[in-house]
Protein backbone atom coordinates (compact mmCIF):
# COMPACT_ATOMS: atom_id res chain seq x y z
CA MET A 1 10.58 18.44 -16.36
CA LYS A 2 12.88 16.22 -14.28
CA THR A 3 14.75 13.41 -16.01
CA LEU A 4 16.12 10.35 -14.20
CA GLN A 5 18.24 7.63 -15.74
CA VAL A 6 17.92 3.88 -15.27
CA GLY A 7 21.48 2.73 -15.84
CA LEU A 8 21.50 -0.63 -17.61
CA GLY A 9 24.28 -0.25 -20.16
CA SER A 10 22.90 -0.55 -23.69
CA ARG A 11 19.37 -0.91 -22.24
CA SER A 12 19.52 2.32 -20.23
CA TYR A 13 16.59 4.71 -20.53
CA GLY A 14 15.19 7.90 -19.15
CA ILE A 15 12.23 8.61 -16.90
CA ARG A 16 10.74 12.03 -17.65
CA ILE A 17 8.60 13.46 -14.84
CA GLY A 18 6.57 16.65 -15.08
CA ARG A 19 3.30 18.25 -16.12
CA GLY A 20 2.10 18.53 -19.69
CA LEU A 21 4.41 15.80 -20.97
CA LEU A 22 1.69 14.09 -23.00
CA GLU A 23 2.02 17.04 -25.36
CA SER A 24 5.62 18.16 -24.90
CA GLY A 25 7.61 15.20 -23.59
CA TRP A 26 8.38 13.27 -26.76
CA SER A 27 11.55 15.04 -27.87
CA GLY A 28 14.38 12.86 -29.13
CA LEU A 29 12.18 10.12 -30.58
CA PRO A 30 12.69 9.18 -34.24
CA GLU A 31 10.24 10.35 -36.88
CA ASN A 32 8.02 8.34 -39.20
CA LYS A 33 7.50 5.21 -37.10
CA ARG A 34 4.51 2.95 -36.59
CA ALA A 35 2.97 2.67 -33.16
CA LEU A 36 0.17 0.80 -31.44
CA ILE A 37 -1.18 2.57 -28.36
CA ILE A 38 -2.64 0.15 -25.81
CA SER A 39 -4.98 1.70 -23.27
CA ASP A 40 -8.06 0.76 -21.28
CA SER A 41 -11.69 1.81 -21.27
CA ASN A 42 -11.15 4.31 -18.45
CA VAL A 43 -7.96 5.97 -19.69
CA ASP A 44 -8.43 6.07 -23.45
CA PRO A 45 -11.37 8.54 -23.38
CA LEU A 46 -9.25 10.89 -21.23
CA TYR A 47 -5.85 10.72 -22.88
CA GLY A 48 -5.99 8.55 -26.01
CA ASP A 49 -6.52 11.38 -28.49
CA ARG A 50 -3.83 13.55 -26.91
CA CYS A 51 -1.27 10.77 -27.03
CA GLN A 52 -2.14 9.88 -30.61
CA ASP A 53 -2.01 13.51 -31.74
CA ALA A 54 1.43 14.01 -30.18
CA LEU A 55 2.82 10.95 -31.94
CA SER A 56 1.13 11.82 -35.22
CA ALA A 57 2.90 15.19 -35.05
CA LEU A 58 6.17 13.23 -35.29
CA GLY A 59 4.94 11.73 -38.54
CA TRP A 60 4.08 8.41 -36.91
CA GLN A 61 1.35 6.09 -38.20
CA VAL A 62 -0.61 5.43 -35.04
CA SER A 63 -3.18 2.75 -34.23
CA ARG A 64 -5.03 2.33 -30.94
CA GLU A 65 -6.49 -0.60 -29.07
CA VAL A 66 -8.60 -0.38 -25.91
CA VAL A 67 -8.96 -3.22 -23.42
CA PRO A 68 -11.54 -3.37 -20.63
CA ALA A 69 -10.40 -1.62 -17.46
CA GLY A 70 -9.46 -3.92 -14.60
CA GLU A 71 -7.14 -6.75 -13.60
CA ASN A 72 -9.08 -9.31 -15.64
CA SER A 73 -7.61 -7.84 -18.84
CA LYS A 74 -4.16 -8.99 -17.73
CA SER A 75 -4.77 -12.42 -19.23
CA ILE A 76 -3.55 -14.78 -21.92
CA GLN A 77 -6.88 -14.34 -23.71
CA CYS A 78 -6.59 -10.56 -23.89
CA LEU A 79 -2.96 -10.81 -24.95
CA ALA A 80 -3.88 -13.10 -27.84
CA GLY A 81 -6.22 -10.47 -29.24
CA LEU A 82 -3.49 -7.82 -28.98
CA TYR A 83 -1.11 -9.95 -31.04
CA GLU A 84 -3.67 -9.96 -33.83
CA ARG A 85 -4.13 -6.21 -33.52
CA ALA A 86 -0.35 -5.69 -33.75
CA VAL A 87 -0.31 -7.63 -37.02
CA GLU A 88 -3.21 -5.56 -38.37
CA ALA A 89 -1.35 -2.36 -37.43
CA GLY A 90 1.57 -3.42 -39.59
CA LEU A 91 4.14 -3.30 -36.79
CA ASP A 92 7.71 -4.33 -37.52
CA ARG A 93 10.64 -4.69 -35.14
CA SER A 94 11.42 -0.98 -35.30
CA SER A 95 7.84 -0.09 -34.35
CA TYR A 96 6.59 0.93 -30.90
CA ILE A 97 4.07 -0.31 -28.41
CA VAL A 98 2.90 2.62 -26.27
CA ALA A 99 1.45 1.56 -22.91
CA LEU A 100 -0.96 4.33 -21.90
CA GLY A 101 -2.51 3.50 -18.55
CA GLY A 102 -1.99 2.04 -15.12
CA GLY A 103 -0.19 -1.08 -13.99
CA VAL A 104 -2.46 -3.53 -15.79
CA VAL A 105 -1.96 -1.83 -19.15
CA GLY A 106 1.75 -1.38 -18.55
CA ASP A 107 2.31 -5.04 -17.71
CA LEU A 108 0.09 -6.31 -20.52
CA ALA A 109 1.39 -3.98 -23.23
CA GLY A 110 4.95 -4.48 -22.01
CA PHE A 111 4.70 -8.24 -22.45
CA LEU A 112 3.14 -7.72 -25.86
CA ALA A 113 6.18 -5.61 -26.83
CA ALA A 114 8.59 -8.16 -25.38
CA SER A 115 7.12 -11.12 -27.24
CA PHE A 116 5.69 -9.81 -30.53
CA LEU A 117 8.25 -10.42 -33.30
CA ARG A 118 10.58 -11.42 -30.43
CA GLY A 119 10.66 -7.81 -29.30
CA VAL A 120 9.51 -4.42 -30.56
CA ARG A 121 10.18 -1.06 -28.93
CA LEU A 122 8.23 0.08 -25.88
CA ILE A 123 7.25 3.39 -24.30
CA GLN A 124 5.56 3.43 -20.91
CA VAL A 125 3.12 6.31 -20.30
CA PRO A 126 1.84 5.65 -16.75
CA THR A 127 -1.41 7.35 -15.78
CA SER A 128 -1.87 6.01 -12.22
CA LEU A 129 0.24 6.74 -9.17
CA LEU A 130 1.07 3.07 -8.74
CA ALA A 131 2.33 2.86 -12.31
CA LEU A 132 4.28 6.13 -12.02
CA VAL A 133 6.21 5.09 -8.92
CA ASP A 134 6.51 1.37 -9.52
CA SER A 135 5.28 -0.78 -12.38
CA SER A 136 6.34 1.42 -15.32
CA VAL A 137 9.98 1.40 -14.17
CA GLY A 138 12.21 -1.65 -14.12
CA GLY A 139 11.05 -3.78 -17.03
CA LYS A 140 8.76 -6.32 -15.37
CA THR A 141 5.99 -7.30 -17.77
CA GLY A 142 3.47 -10.11 -17.73
CA VAL A 143 -0.01 -11.49 -17.38
CA ASN A 144 -1.85 -13.47 -14.72
CA LEU A 145 -3.02 -17.06 -14.64
CA PRO A 146 -5.97 -18.31 -12.57
CA GLN A 147 -3.43 -19.91 -10.21
CA GLY A 148 -1.57 -16.69 -9.47
CA LYS A 149 -0.42 -13.23 -10.44
CA ASN A 150 2.28 -12.48 -13.02
CA LEU A 151 3.13 -16.14 -13.58
CA VAL A 152 3.76 -15.52 -17.29
CA GLY A 153 6.03 -12.64 -18.21
CA SER A 154 9.49 -11.34 -18.94
CA PHE A 155 11.98 -8.62 -18.09
CA TYR A 156 11.79 -6.10 -20.93
CA GLN A 157 12.99 -2.53 -20.57
CA PRO A 158 11.21 0.40 -22.25
CA ASP A 159 12.94 3.01 -24.39
CA LEU A 160 11.31 5.76 -22.33
CA VAL A 161 9.00 6.31 -19.36
CA LEU A 162 6.92 9.46 -19.80
CA ALA A 163 5.34 10.35 -16.44
CA ASP A 164 2.88 13.23 -16.85
CA LEU A 165 1.77 14.20 -13.35
CA ALA A 166 -1.31 15.90 -14.81
CA CYS A 167 -2.76 12.43 -15.41
CA LEU A 168 -3.11 12.03 -11.64
CA ASP A 169 -5.64 14.88 -11.58
CA THR A 170 -8.31 12.53 -12.98
CA LEU A 171 -7.34 9.50 -10.90
CA PRO A 172 -10.19 8.33 -8.61
CA PRO A 173 -9.38 8.65 -4.90
CA ARG A 174 -9.30 4.91 -4.28
CA GLU A 175 -6.84 4.35 -7.15
CA TYR A 176 -4.66 7.20 -5.91
CA VAL A 177 -4.55 5.83 -2.36
CA SER A 178 -3.74 2.37 -3.71
CA GLY A 179 -0.61 3.81 -5.32
CA LEU A 180 0.50 5.27 -2.01
CA ALA A 181 1.11 1.72 -0.72
CA GLU A 182 4.09 1.43 -3.05
CA VAL A 183 5.36 4.85 -1.95
CA VAL A 184 5.28 3.79 1.71
CA LYS A 185 7.10 0.61 0.72
CA TYR A 186 10.10 2.59 -0.55
CA GLY A 187 10.44 4.28 2.81
CA VAL A 188 10.34 0.94 4.61
CA ILE A 189 12.82 -0.92 2.41
CA TRP A 190 15.30 1.81 1.45
CA ASP A 191 14.90 5.30 2.88
CA ALA A 192 13.89 5.85 6.50
CA ALA A 193 14.17 9.62 6.05
CA MET A 194 11.65 9.44 3.21
CA PHE A 195 9.31 7.49 5.49
CA GLY A 196 9.56 10.27 8.07
CA ARG A 197 8.71 12.88 5.44
CA LEU A 198 5.67 10.86 4.39
CA GLU A 199 4.46 10.90 8.00
CA LYS A 200 4.89 14.68 8.23
CA GLU A 201 3.43 15.45 4.79
CA ARG A 202 0.67 12.85 4.87
CA GLN A 203 -2.21 15.30 4.45
CA ALA A 204 -0.49 17.27 1.67
CA LEU A 205 0.12 14.00 -0.11
CA LEU A 206 -3.55 13.02 0.21
CA ASP A 207 -4.50 16.49 -1.06
CA ARG A 208 -2.23 15.89 -4.10
CA ASP A 209 -0.19 18.99 -3.35
CA ASP A 210 1.87 19.47 -6.50
CA ASP A 211 5.22 20.14 -4.84
CA VAL A 212 4.92 17.25 -2.41
CA LEU A 213 3.62 14.86 -5.04
CA SER A 214 6.37 15.77 -7.52
CA ALA A 215 9.04 15.17 -4.90
CA VAL A 216 7.52 11.86 -3.77
CA VAL A 217 7.18 10.54 -7.31
CA ALA A 218 10.73 11.57 -8.18
CA ARG A 219 12.24 9.99 -5.05
CA SER A 220 10.25 6.78 -5.55
CA CYS A 221 11.48 6.52 -9.14
CA GLU A 222 15.04 7.25 -8.02
CA ILE A 223 14.92 4.39 -5.54
CA LYS A 224 13.42 1.99 -8.08
CA ALA A 225 16.05 3.03 -10.66
CA GLU A 226 18.88 2.56 -8.14
CA VAL A 227 17.71 -0.94 -7.23
CA VAL A 228 17.05 -2.03 -10.83
CA SER A 229 20.40 -0.68 -12.02
CA VAL A 230 22.15 -2.98 -9.52
CA ASP A 231 19.97 -6.06 -10.11
CA GLU A 232 17.90 -6.00 -13.29
CA ARG A 233 16.57 -9.57 -13.17
CA GLU A 234 15.84 -9.98 -9.46
CA SER A 235 18.70 -12.37 -8.73
CA GLY A 236 19.52 -10.50 -5.52
CA VAL A 237 18.74 -7.14 -3.99
CA ARG A 238 15.86 -6.30 -6.35
CA ALA A 239 13.81 -8.82 -4.40
CA ILE A 240 13.39 -6.19 -1.65
CA LEU A 241 10.89 -4.44 -3.92
CA ASN A 242 8.53 -7.32 -3.14
CA PHE A 243 7.98 -6.26 0.47
CA GLY A 244 4.31 -7.01 1.20
CA HIS A 245 3.79 -8.64 -2.18
CA THR A 246 4.01 -12.34 -1.28
CA LEU A 247 0.77 -12.38 0.68
CA GLY A 248 -0.53 -9.37 -1.25
CA HIS A 249 -0.55 -11.30 -4.52
CA ALA A 250 -2.21 -14.24 -2.75
CA ILE A 251 -4.95 -11.96 -1.42
CA GLU A 252 -5.61 -10.69 -4.93
CA ALA A 253 -5.82 -14.20 -6.36
CA VAL A 254 -7.95 -15.77 -3.61
CA ALA A 255 -10.35 -12.82 -3.33
CA GLY A 256 -10.79 -12.68 -7.11
CA TYR A 257 -8.68 -10.02 -8.78
CA GLU A 258 -11.41 -7.38 -8.90
CA ARG A 259 -12.08 -7.25 -5.12
CA TRP A 260 -8.88 -5.54 -4.01
CA LEU A 261 -6.71 -3.09 -5.89
CA HIS A 262 -3.05 -4.07 -6.06
CA GLY A 263 -1.87 -1.43 -3.61
CA GLU A 264 -4.60 -2.31 -1.13
CA ALA A 265 -3.57 -5.98 -1.18
CA VAL A 266 0.10 -5.00 -0.87
CA ALA A 267 -0.70 -2.83 2.17
CA ALA A 268 -2.37 -5.80 3.86
CA GLY A 269 0.57 -7.96 2.82
CA ALA A 270 2.91 -5.38 4.33
CA ASP A 271 1.00 -5.61 7.62
CA TYR A 272 1.58 -9.37 7.51
CA ALA A 273 5.28 -8.88 6.68
CA LEU A 274 5.58 -6.48 9.61
CA ARG A 275 4.17 -9.12 11.97
CA LEU A 276 6.79 -11.55 10.70
CA SER A 277 9.50 -8.87 10.86
CA VAL A 278 8.83 -8.35 14.57
CA SER A 279 8.78 -12.06 15.38
CA GLN A 280 11.56 -13.20 13.04
CA LYS A 281 13.94 -10.26 12.64
CA GLY A 282 13.54 -8.34 15.87
CA MET A 283 12.00 -5.26 14.31
CA ALA A 284 10.82 -2.93 17.06
CA ALA A 285 7.08 -3.26 17.53
CA ALA A 286 6.82 0.54 17.73
CA GLU A 287 8.42 0.93 14.30
CA ALA A 288 6.12 -1.67 12.80
CA GLU A 289 3.17 0.20 14.28
CA ARG A 290 4.39 3.45 12.67
CA VAL A 291 4.11 1.78 9.28
CA ARG A 292 0.67 0.39 10.03
CA ALA A 293 -0.50 3.75 11.35
CA LEU A 294 0.69 5.63 8.27
CA GLN A 295 -0.96 3.16 5.93
CA ALA A 296 -4.23 3.39 7.88
CA GLN A 297 -4.09 7.21 7.91
CA LEU A 298 -3.66 7.15 4.13
CA GLY A 299 -6.76 4.95 3.82
CA LEU A 300 -5.11 1.58 3.16
CA PRO A 301 -6.47 -1.66 4.69
CA ARG A 302 -4.91 -3.72 7.45
CA MET A 303 -4.86 -7.48 7.76
CA THR A 304 -7.69 -7.18 10.26
CA HIS A 305 -10.14 -5.97 7.59
CA PRO A 306 -13.01 -8.51 7.68
CA ASP A 307 -12.74 -9.20 3.94
CA ILE A 308 -9.07 -10.10 4.37
CA ALA A 309 -9.03 -11.76 7.80
CA GLY A 310 -11.97 -13.87 6.63
CA LEU A 311 -10.14 -15.35 3.64
CA PRO A 312 -9.34 -19.06 4.06
CA TRP A 313 -5.74 -19.54 5.19
CA ASP A 314 -5.34 -22.81 3.26
CA ALA A 315 -6.21 -21.07 -0.02
CA LEU A 316 -3.86 -18.16 0.72
CA ARG A 317 -1.05 -20.57 1.58
CA ARG A 318 -1.57 -22.48 -1.68
CA ALA A 319 -1.50 -19.21 -3.60
CA MET A 320 1.74 -18.19 -1.88
CA GLY A 321 3.14 -21.55 -2.97
CA THR A 322 2.85 -20.52 -6.62
CA ASP A 323 4.58 -17.17 -6.07
CA LYS A 324 7.61 -16.59 -8.30
CA LYS A 325 9.84 -16.18 -5.24
CA THR A 326 8.83 -19.57 -3.83
CA VAL A 327 11.47 -22.31 -3.70
CA ALA A 328 10.23 -25.93 -3.59
CA GLY A 329 6.82 -24.75 -2.41
CA THR A 330 8.24 -22.63 0.41
CA PRO A 331 7.62 -18.87 0.03
CA ARG A 332 10.46 -16.45 0.63
CA PHE A 333 9.68 -13.14 2.33
CA VAL A 334 11.16 -9.67 2.52
CA LEU A 335 11.35 -8.80 6.22
CA ALA A 336 12.51 -5.65 7.96
CA GLU A 337 15.05 -5.28 10.76
CA LYS A 338 14.19 -1.60 11.01
CA LEU A 339 12.93 1.18 8.77
CA GLY A 340 15.20 1.43 5.75
CA ALA A 341 16.85 -1.97 6.28
CA VAL A 342 15.30 -5.23 5.07
CA ASN A 343 16.35 -8.80 4.30
CA PHE A 344 15.16 -10.79 1.31
CA GLY A 345 14.84 -14.54 0.82
CA CYS A 346 13.61 -15.11 4.39
CA GLU A 347 12.12 -18.53 5.12
CA VAL A 348 9.52 -18.83 7.88
CA SER A 349 8.13 -21.99 9.48
CA GLU A 350 4.63 -23.09 8.57
CA GLU A 351 3.52 -22.65 12.17
CA ASP A 352 4.76 -19.05 12.28
CA LEU A 353 3.23 -18.23 8.90
CA GLU A 354 -0.22 -19.29 10.04
CA ARG A 355 0.16 -17.71 13.48
CA ALA A 356 1.03 -14.34 11.95
CA PHE A 357 -2.06 -14.47 9.74
CA ARG A 358 -4.37 -15.31 12.63
CA GLU A 359 -3.02 -12.65 15.01
CA GLY A 360 -5.65 -10.12 16.05
């Protein structure tokens, strides 16, 4: 087991990464607590019993609630039902919400923990690659509205992130590849050497080689922890983590959240951000093409995919206007000067925004 620390003073917490942690990774937690495990209809049959048994062995009184798998569960309506379930489970402010699942479950259950009784304790147990390397770390929680993604939420740090790599063994190939978009992102925004290793070890990563995967997950979490420790509430440098997300979130919303997985939309959004990076920040076209090539080799979509290029620009632009990073209706982008060096808060003219989308 490898343990990383997210340094946030009194809100600091550990990220435990390894195999078999669903059974053995709970050391140091208090005994005799109440907990509500939130999972989804895909994950609960695989790991719900194991998680509940491990917590019951600590003397905890454990309840479980299962939401439908998919982005549509990340809604105000689903959250309302979870509040009622938390009351039925008898949770108090010393009790725990345990988020067992991918990014949807982590965001939904995290916001439940942040808002129920004005805050109960939270443990993130990510079961997808995207959740392991990104959404379970850093404290962003929330739900979607029809107008856009993550428009209701809060920053709320967990007590622990328990990342059992064995959970990736059952992850469908498309879900696994979707998570790789966030891994590539870390190489672009922070660590050019990591990006080079991803290029060299691409096939081993696709094959889920244990050594390569363990190293990639650990380095991704290290980068996320470093950024969050400097800027917890995205008032500055943390914004770089949104590379590819401004248009990516718009693609998800306009296409209807179930069409594209989050990582797929982010990959297309990264392609768009690379176009802008070349035209606005002087990024070398050859470097931008390296990123596009790696994403394509991993199985991630480009902007030129017919189901993305065919989306109406006006609808995408409206969706970008509701993004949390937008100021007075003008979206702000993360753009790269080169691999490992990006700028945040970049404003781009309307003409250049549309031109970049329509490029072949």
